[in-house]
Amino acid sequence: MAIIVNLDVMMAKRKIGLTELSDRVGISLANLSILKNNRAKAVRFSTLNAICRELQCQPADILEFTEDPTD
């Protein structure tokens, strides 16, 4: 997929763990882990909004577009 999720990088910069972010954002650990490990097929804007609010970042800090040679 051409969209890369850099949630793990932003979490490391903010020194916050998966469990703490899950509690703050109100998303299950399983769903947040799927997003963090770049296995998500979609993300809701409300989820992205909550993550950005808690990590004090912009959506572009988490989502990155790269060319996919298979497209």
PDB file of N, CA and C in Angstrom:
ATOM      1  N   MET A   1       0.846  -1.185   0.000  1.00  0.00           N
ATOM      2  CA  MET A   1       0.000   0.000   0.000  1.00  0.00           C
ATOM      3  C   MET A   1       0.883   1.236   0.000  1.00  0.00           C
ATOM      4  N   ALA A   2       0.410   2.286  -0.602  1.00  0.00           N
ATOM      5  CA  ALA A   2       1.190   3.506  -0.761  1.00  0.00           C
ATOM      6  C   ALA A   2       1.133   4.433   0.450  1.00  0.00           C
ATOM      7  N   ILE A   3       0.248   4.152   1.391  1.00  0.00           N
ATOM      8  CA  ILE A   3       0.156   4.973   2.604  1.00  0.00           C
ATOM      9  C   ILE A   3       0.876   4.248   3.736  1.00  0.00           C
ATOM     10  N   ILE A   4       1.840   4.920   4.325  1.00  0.00           N
ATOM     11  CA  ILE A   4       2.602   4.368   5.446  1.00  0.00           C
ATOM     12  C   ILE A   4       2.139   5.063   6.721  1.00  0.00           C
ATOM     13  N   VAL A   5       1.886   4.279   7.759  1.00  0.00           N
ATOM     14  CA  VAL A   5       1.476   4.821   9.055  1.00  0.00           C
ATOM     15  C   VAL A   5       2.697   4.854   9.968  1.00  0.00           C
ATOM     16  N   ASN A   6       3.078   6.044  10.376  1.00  0.00           N
ATOM     17  CA  ASN A   6       4.247   6.243  11.230  1.00  0.00           C
ATOM     18  C   ASN A   6       3.856   6.504  12.682  1.00  0.00           C
ATOM     19  N   LEU A   7       2.809   5.856  13.126  1.00  0.00           N
ATOM     20  CA  LEU A   7       2.336   6.059  14.493  1.00  0.00           C
ATOM     21  C   LEU A   7       3.389   5.631  15.509  1.00  0.00           C
ATOM     22  N   ASP A   8       4.088   4.550  15.222  1.00  0.00           N
ATOM     23  CA  ASP A   8       5.120   4.074  16.157  1.00  0.00           C
ATOM     24  C   ASP A   8       6.232   5.098  16.340  1.00  0.00           C
ATOM     25  N   VAL A   9       6.580   5.793  15.267  1.00  0.00           N
ATOM     26  CA  VAL A   9       7.628   6.821  15.332  1.00  0.00           C
ATOM     27  C   VAL A   9       7.162   7.989  16.207  1.00  0.00           C
ATOM     28  N   MET A  10       5.941   8.436  15.976  1.00  0.00           N
ATOM     29  CA  MET A  10       5.414   9.567  16.749  1.00  0.00           C
ATOM     30  C   MET A  10       5.234   9.195  18.219  1.00  0.00           C
ATOM     31  N   MET A  11       4.822   7.949  18.476  1.00  0.00           N
ATOM     32  CA  MET A  11       4.687   7.504  19.864  1.00  0.00           C
ATOM     33  C   MET A  11       6.051   7.484  20.560  1.00  0.00           C
ATOM     34  N   ALA A  12       7.071   7.063  19.854  1.00  0.00           N
ATOM     35  CA  ALA A  12       8.420   7.045  20.433  1.00  0.00           C
ATOM     36  C   ALA A  12       8.904   8.462  20.712  1.00  0.00           C
ATOM     37  N   LYS A  13       8.633   9.393  19.795  1.00  0.00           N
ATOM     38  CA  LYS A  13       9.035  10.786  20.005  1.00  0.00           C
ATOM     39  C   LYS A  13       8.351  11.385  21.222  1.00  0.00           C
ATOM     40  N   ARG A  14       7.094  10.986  21.445  1.00  0.00           N
ATOM     41  CA  ARG A  14       6.321  11.531  22.569  1.00  0.00           C
ATOM     42  C   ARG A  14       6.486  10.692  23.839  1.00  0.00           C
ATOM     43  N   LYS A  15       7.231   9.582  23.714  1.00  0.00           N
ATOM     44  CA  LYS A  15       7.489   8.688  24.850  1.00  0.00           C
ATOM     45  C   LYS A  15       6.193   8.218  25.504  1.00  0.00           C
ATOM     46  N   ILE A  16       5.307   7.674  24.674  1.00  0.00           N
ATOM     47  CA  ILE A  16       4.034   7.153  25.153  1.00  0.00           C
ATOM     48  C   ILE A  16       3.870   5.730  24.633  1.00  0.00           C
ATOM     49  N   GLY A  17       3.378   4.875  25.499  1.00  0.00           N
ATOM     50  CA  GLY A  17       3.186   3.482  25.130  1.00  0.00           C
ATOM     51  C   GLY A  17       1.819   3.234  24.526  1.00  0.00           C
ATOM     52  N   LEU A  18       1.671   2.062  23.966  1.00  0.00           N
ATOM     53  CA  LEU A  18       0.430   1.677  23.307  1.00  0.00           C
ATOM     54  C   LEU A  18      -0.748   1.658  24.275  1.00  0.00           C
ATOM     55  N   THR A  19      -0.539   1.114  25.461  1.00  0.00           N
ATOM     56  CA  THR A  19      -1.623   1.030  26.450  1.00  0.00           C
ATOM     57  C   THR A  19      -2.077   2.414  26.891  1.00  0.00           C
ATOM     58  N   GLU A  20      -1.125   3.291  27.155  1.00  0.00           N
ATOM     59  CA  GLU A  20      -1.483   4.645  27.591  1.00  0.00           C
ATOM     60  C   GLU A  20      -2.225   5.400  26.497  1.00  0.00           C
ATOM     61  N   LEU A  21      -1.739   5.307  25.257  1.00  0.00           N
ATOM     62  CA  LEU A  21      -2.421   5.993  24.152  1.00  0.00           C
ATOM     63  C   LEU A  21      -3.807   5.414  23.936  1.00  0.00           C
ATOM     64  N   SER A  22      -3.933   4.115  24.037  1.00  0.00           N
ATOM     65  CA  SER A  22      -5.231   3.460  23.892  1.00  0.00           C
ATOM     66  C   SER A  22      -6.221   3.991  24.922  1.00  0.00           C
ATOM     67  N   ASP A  23      -5.785   4.103  26.161  1.00  0.00           N
ATOM     68  CA  ASP A  23      -6.652   4.634  27.225  1.00  0.00           C
ATOM     69  C   ASP A  23      -7.034   6.082  26.963  1.00  0.00           C
ATOM     70  N   ARG A  24      -6.081   6.892  26.559  1.00  0.00           N
ATOM     71  CA  ARG A  24      -6.340   8.323  26.323  1.00  0.00           C
ATOM     72  C   ARG A  24      -7.264   8.562  25.145  1.00  0.00           C
ATOM     73  N   VAL A  25      -7.108   7.756  24.096  1.00  0.00           N
ATOM     74  CA  VAL A  25      -7.865   7.966  22.860  1.00  0.00           C
ATOM     75  C   VAL A  25      -9.204   7.235  22.882  1.00  0.00           C
ATOM     76  N   GLY A  26      -9.302   6.175  23.665  1.00  0.00           N
ATOM     77  CA  GLY A  26     -10.543   5.409  23.719  1.00  0.00           C
ATOM     78  C   GLY A  26     -10.669   4.420  22.582  1.00  0.00           C
ATOM     79  N   ILE A  27      -9.555   3.891  22.127  1.00  0.00           N
ATOM     80  CA  ILE A  27      -9.523   2.891  21.066  1.00  0.00           C
ATOM     81  C   ILE A  27      -8.954   1.613  21.672  1.00  0.00           C
ATOM     82  N   SER A  28      -9.496   0.479  21.264  1.00  0.00           N
ATOM     83  CA  SER A  28      -9.007  -0.780  21.822  1.00  0.00           C
ATOM     84  C   SER A  28      -7.533  -0.982  21.489  1.00  0.00           C
ATOM     85  N   LEU A  29      -6.847  -1.698  22.363  1.00  0.00           N
ATOM     86  CA  LEU A  29      -5.439  -2.007  22.139  1.00  0.00           C
ATOM     87  C   LEU A  29      -5.247  -2.737  20.806  1.00  0.00           C
ATOM     88  N   ALA A  30      -6.142  -3.656  20.510  1.00  0.00           N
ATOM     89  CA  ALA A  30      -6.027  -4.434  19.275  1.00  0.00           C
ATOM     90  C   ALA A  30      -6.107  -3.533  18.039  1.00  0.00           C
ATOM     91  N   ASN A  31      -7.075  -2.634  18.012  1.00  0.00           N
ATOM     92  CA  ASN A  31      -7.225  -1.744  16.850  1.00  0.00           C
ATOM     93  C   ASN A  31      -6.079  -0.754  16.742  1.00  0.00           C
ATOM     94  N   LEU A  32      -5.620  -0.239  17.861  1.00  0.00           N
ATOM     95  CA  LEU A  32      -4.500   0.696  17.839  1.00  0.00           C
ATOM     96  C   LEU A  32      -3.222  -0.025  17.403  1.00  0.00           C
ATOM     97  N   SER A  33      -3.064  -1.258  17.820  1.00  0.00           N
ATOM     98  CA  SER A  33      -1.906  -2.051  17.423  1.00  0.00           C
ATOM     99  C   SER A  33      -1.901  -2.307  15.913  1.00  0.00           C
ATOM    100  N   ILE A  34      -3.053  -2.590  15.344  1.00  0.00           N
ATOM    101  CA  ILE A  34      -3.166  -2.781  13.894  1.00  0.00           C
ATOM    102  C   ILE A  34      -2.736  -1.516  13.166  1.00  0.00           C
ATOM    103  N   LEU A  35      -3.167  -0.380  13.659  1.00  0.00           N
ATOM    104  CA  LEU A  35      -2.784   0.891  13.049  1.00  0.00           C
ATOM    105  C   LEU A  35      -1.287   1.138  13.216  1.00  0.00           C
ATOM    106  N   LYS A  36      -0.783   0.915  14.402  1.00  0.00           N
ATOM    107  CA  LYS A  36       0.636   1.147  14.707  1.00  0.00           C
ATOM    108  C   LYS A  36       1.554   0.270  13.854  1.00  0.00           C
ATOM    109  N   ASN A  37       1.135  -0.957  13.606  1.00  0.00           N
ATOM    110  CA  ASN A  37       1.957  -1.894  12.848  1.00  0.00           C
ATOM    111  C   ASN A  37       1.724  -1.836  11.342  1.00  0.00           C
ATOM    112  N   ASN A  38       1.038  -0.783  10.905  1.00  0.00           N
ATOM    113  CA  ASN A  38       0.835  -0.508   9.479  1.00  0.00           C
ATOM    114  C   ASN A  38       0.058  -1.618   8.768  1.00  0.00           C
ATOM    115  N   ARG A  39      -0.904  -2.222   9.473  1.00  0.00           N
ATOM    116  CA  ARG A  39      -1.728  -3.262   8.867  1.00  0.00           C
ATOM    117  C   ARG A  39      -3.162  -2.796   8.644  1.00  0.00           C
ATOM    118  N   ALA A  40      -3.462  -1.557   8.973  1.00  0.00           N
ATOM    119  CA  ALA A  40      -4.815  -1.036   8.820  1.00  0.00           C
ATOM    120  C   ALA A  40      -5.127  -0.772   7.346  1.00  0.00           C
ATOM    121  N   LYS A  41      -6.350  -1.046   6.966  1.00  0.00           N
ATOM    122  CA  LYS A  41      -6.816  -0.759   5.610  1.00  0.00           C
ATOM    123  C   LYS A  41      -7.509   0.597   5.534  1.00  0.00           C
ATOM    124  N   ALA A  42      -7.912   1.116   6.695  1.00  0.00           N
ATOM    125  CA  ALA A  42      -8.607   2.406   6.748  1.00  0.00           C
ATOM    126  C   ALA A  42      -8.460   2.981   8.149  1.00  0.00           C
ATOM    127  N   VAL A  43      -8.684   4.271   8.258  1.00  0.00           N
ATOM    128  CA  VAL A  43      -8.691   4.928   9.569  1.00  0.00           C
ATOM    129  C   VAL A  43      -9.777   6.001   9.536  1.00  0.00           C
ATOM    130  N   ARG A  44     -10.559   6.056  10.583  1.00  0.00           N
ATOM    131  CA  ARG A  44     -11.619   7.069  10.670  1.00  0.00           C
ATOM    132  C   ARG A  44     -10.999   8.416  11.019  1.00  0.00           C
ATOM    133  N   PHE A  45     -11.600   9.465  10.504  1.00  0.00           N
ATOM    134  CA  PHE A  45     -11.118  10.807  10.832  1.00  0.00           C
ATOM    135  C   PHE A  45     -11.242  11.075  12.330  1.00  0.00           C
ATOM    136  N   SER A  46     -12.265  10.544  12.964  1.00  0.00           N
ATOM    137  CA  SER A  46     -12.424  10.761  14.404  1.00  0.00           C
ATOM    138  C   SER A  46     -11.274  10.089  15.169  1.00  0.00           C
ATOM    139  N   THR A  47     -10.826   8.940  14.703  1.00  0.00           N
ATOM    140  CA  THR A  47      -9.681   8.260  15.320  1.00  0.00           C
ATOM    141  C   THR A  47      -8.412   9.058  15.102  1.00  0.00           C
ATOM    142  N   LEU A  48      -8.204   9.502  13.873  1.00  0.00           N
ATOM    143  CA  LEU A  48      -7.023  10.306  13.546  1.00  0.00           C
ATOM    144  C   LEU A  48      -7.020  11.594  14.354  1.00  0.00           C
ATOM    145  N   ASN A  49      -8.173  12.212  14.494  1.00  0.00           N
ATOM    146  CA  ASN A  49      -8.304  13.431  15.285  1.00  0.00           C
ATOM    147  C   ASN A  49      -7.911  13.188  16.741  1.00  0.00           C
ATOM    148  N   ALA A  50      -8.405  12.111  17.327  1.00  0.00           N
ATOM    149  CA  ALA A  50      -8.104  11.803  18.723  1.00  0.00           C
ATOM    150  C   ALA A  50      -6.622  11.512  18.923  1.00  0.00           C
ATOM    151  N   ILE A  51      -6.021  10.779  17.997  1.00  0.00           N
ATOM    152  CA  ILE A  51      -4.592  10.468  18.094  1.00  0.00           C
ATOM    153  C   ILE A  51      -3.773  11.747  17.986  1.00  0.00           C
ATOM    154  N   CYS A  52      -4.088  12.581  17.004  1.00  0.00           N
ATOM    155  CA  CYS A  52      -3.347  13.836  16.830  1.00  0.00           C
ATOM    156  C   CYS A  52      -3.505  14.755  18.040  1.00  0.00           C
ATOM    157  N   ARG A  53      -4.687  14.778  18.614  1.00  0.00           N
ATOM    158  CA  ARG A  53      -4.921  15.594  19.809  1.00  0.00           C
ATOM    159  C   ARG A  53      -4.033  15.115  20.962  1.00  0.00           C
ATOM    160  N   GLU A  54      -3.995  13.823  21.192  1.00  0.00           N
ATOM    161  CA  GLU A  54      -3.215  13.282  22.310  1.00  0.00           C
ATOM    162  C   GLU A  54      -1.714  13.361  22.087  1.00  0.00           C
ATOM    163  N   LEU A  55      -1.275  13.188  20.842  1.00  0.00           N
ATOM    164  CA  LEU A  55       0.161  13.245  20.553  1.00  0.00           C
ATOM    165  C   LEU A  55       0.628  14.652  20.185  1.00  0.00           C
ATOM    166  N   GLN A  56      -0.317  15.590  20.123  1.00  0.00           N
ATOM    167  CA  GLN A  56      -0.027  16.983  19.756  1.00  0.00           C
ATOM    168  C   GLN A  56       0.789  17.034  18.461  1.00  0.00           C
ATOM    169  N   CYS A  57       0.175  16.470  17.415  1.00  0.00           N
ATOM    170  CA  CYS A  57       0.849  16.428  16.121  1.00  0.00           C
ATOM    171  C   CYS A  57      -0.166  16.657  15.004  1.00  0.00           C
ATOM    172  N   GLN A  58       0.308  16.683  13.797  1.00  0.00           N
ATOM    173  CA  GLN A  58      -0.520  16.843  12.613  1.00  0.00           C
ATOM    174  C   GLN A  58      -0.712  15.472  11.950  1.00  0.00           C
ATOM    175  N   PRO A  59      -1.802  15.299  11.189  1.00  0.00           N
ATOM    176  CA  PRO A  59      -1.997  14.032  10.481  1.00  0.00           C
ATOM    177  C   PRO A  59      -0.798  13.644   9.602  1.00  0.00           C
ATOM    178  N   ALA A  60      -0.142  14.619   9.021  1.00  0.00           N
ATOM    179  CA  ALA A  60       1.030  14.340   8.173  1.00  0.00           C
ATOM    180  C   ALA A  60       2.208  13.796   8.971  1.00  0.00           C
ATOM    181  N   ASP A  61       2.192  13.983  10.290  1.00  0.00           N
ATOM    182  CA  ASP A  61       3.235  13.397  11.124  1.00  0.00           C
ATOM    183  C   ASP A  61       3.035  11.889  11.279  1.00  0.00           C
ATOM    184  N   ILE A  62       1.824  11.433  11.031  1.00  0.00           N
ATOM    185  CA  ILE A  62       1.478  10.028  11.210  1.00  0.00           C
ATOM    186  C   ILE A  62       1.333   9.302   9.876  1.00  0.00           C
ATOM    187  N   LEU A  63       0.753   9.979   8.890  1.00  0.00           N
ATOM    188  CA  LEU A  63       0.500   9.352   7.588  1.00  0.00           C
ATOM    189  C   LEU A  63       1.473   9.873   6.541  1.00  0.00           C
ATOM    190  N   GLU A  64       1.992   8.959   5.731  1.00  0.00           N
ATOM    191  CA  GLU A  64       2.965   9.308   4.698  1.00  0.00           C
ATOM    192  C   GLU A  64       2.594   8.593   3.405  1.00  0.00           C
ATOM    193  N   PHE A  65       2.658   9.313   2.296  1.00  0.00           N
ATOM    194  CA  PHE A  65       2.393   8.706   0.985  1.00  0.00           C
ATOM    195  C   PHE A  65       3.715   8.366   0.310  1.00  0.00           C
ATOM    196  N   THR A  66       3.800   7.152  -0.196  1.00  0.00           N
ATOM    197  CA  THR A  66       4.958   6.740  -0.994  1.00  0.00           C
ATOM    198  C   THR A  66       4.446   6.078  -2.254  1.00  0.00           C
ATOM    199  N   GLU A  67       5.222   6.177  -3.313  1.00  0.00           N
ATOM    200  CA  GLU A  67       4.842   5.522  -4.565  1.00  0.00           C
ATOM    201  C   GLU A  67       4.873   4.008  -4.382  1.00  0.00           C
ATOM    202  N   ASP A  68       3.837   3.344  -4.848  1.00  0.00           N
ATOM    203  CA  ASP A  68       3.758   1.897  -4.783  1.00  0.00           C
ATOM    204  C   ASP A  68       3.988   1.352  -6.192  1.00  0.00           C
ATOM    205  N   PRO A  69       5.077   0.657  -6.428  1.00  0.00           N
ATOM    206  CA  PRO A  69       5.380   0.184  -7.782  1.00  0.00           C
ATOM    207  C   PRO A  69       4.379  -0.819  -8.333  1.00  0.00           C
ATOM    208  N   THR A  70       3.543  -1.414  -7.454  1.00  0.00           N
ATOM    209  CA  THR A  70       2.558  -2.389  -7.926  1.00  0.00           C
ATOM    210  C   THR A  70       1.270  -1.739  -8.390  1.00  0.00           C
ATOM    211  N   ASP A  71       1.113  -0.448  -8.156  1.00  0.00           N
ATOM    212  CA  ASP A  71      -0.122   0.254  -8.589  1.00  0.00           C
ATOM    213  C   ASP A  71      -0.041   0.647 -10.034  1.00  0.00           C
TER     214      ASP A  71
END
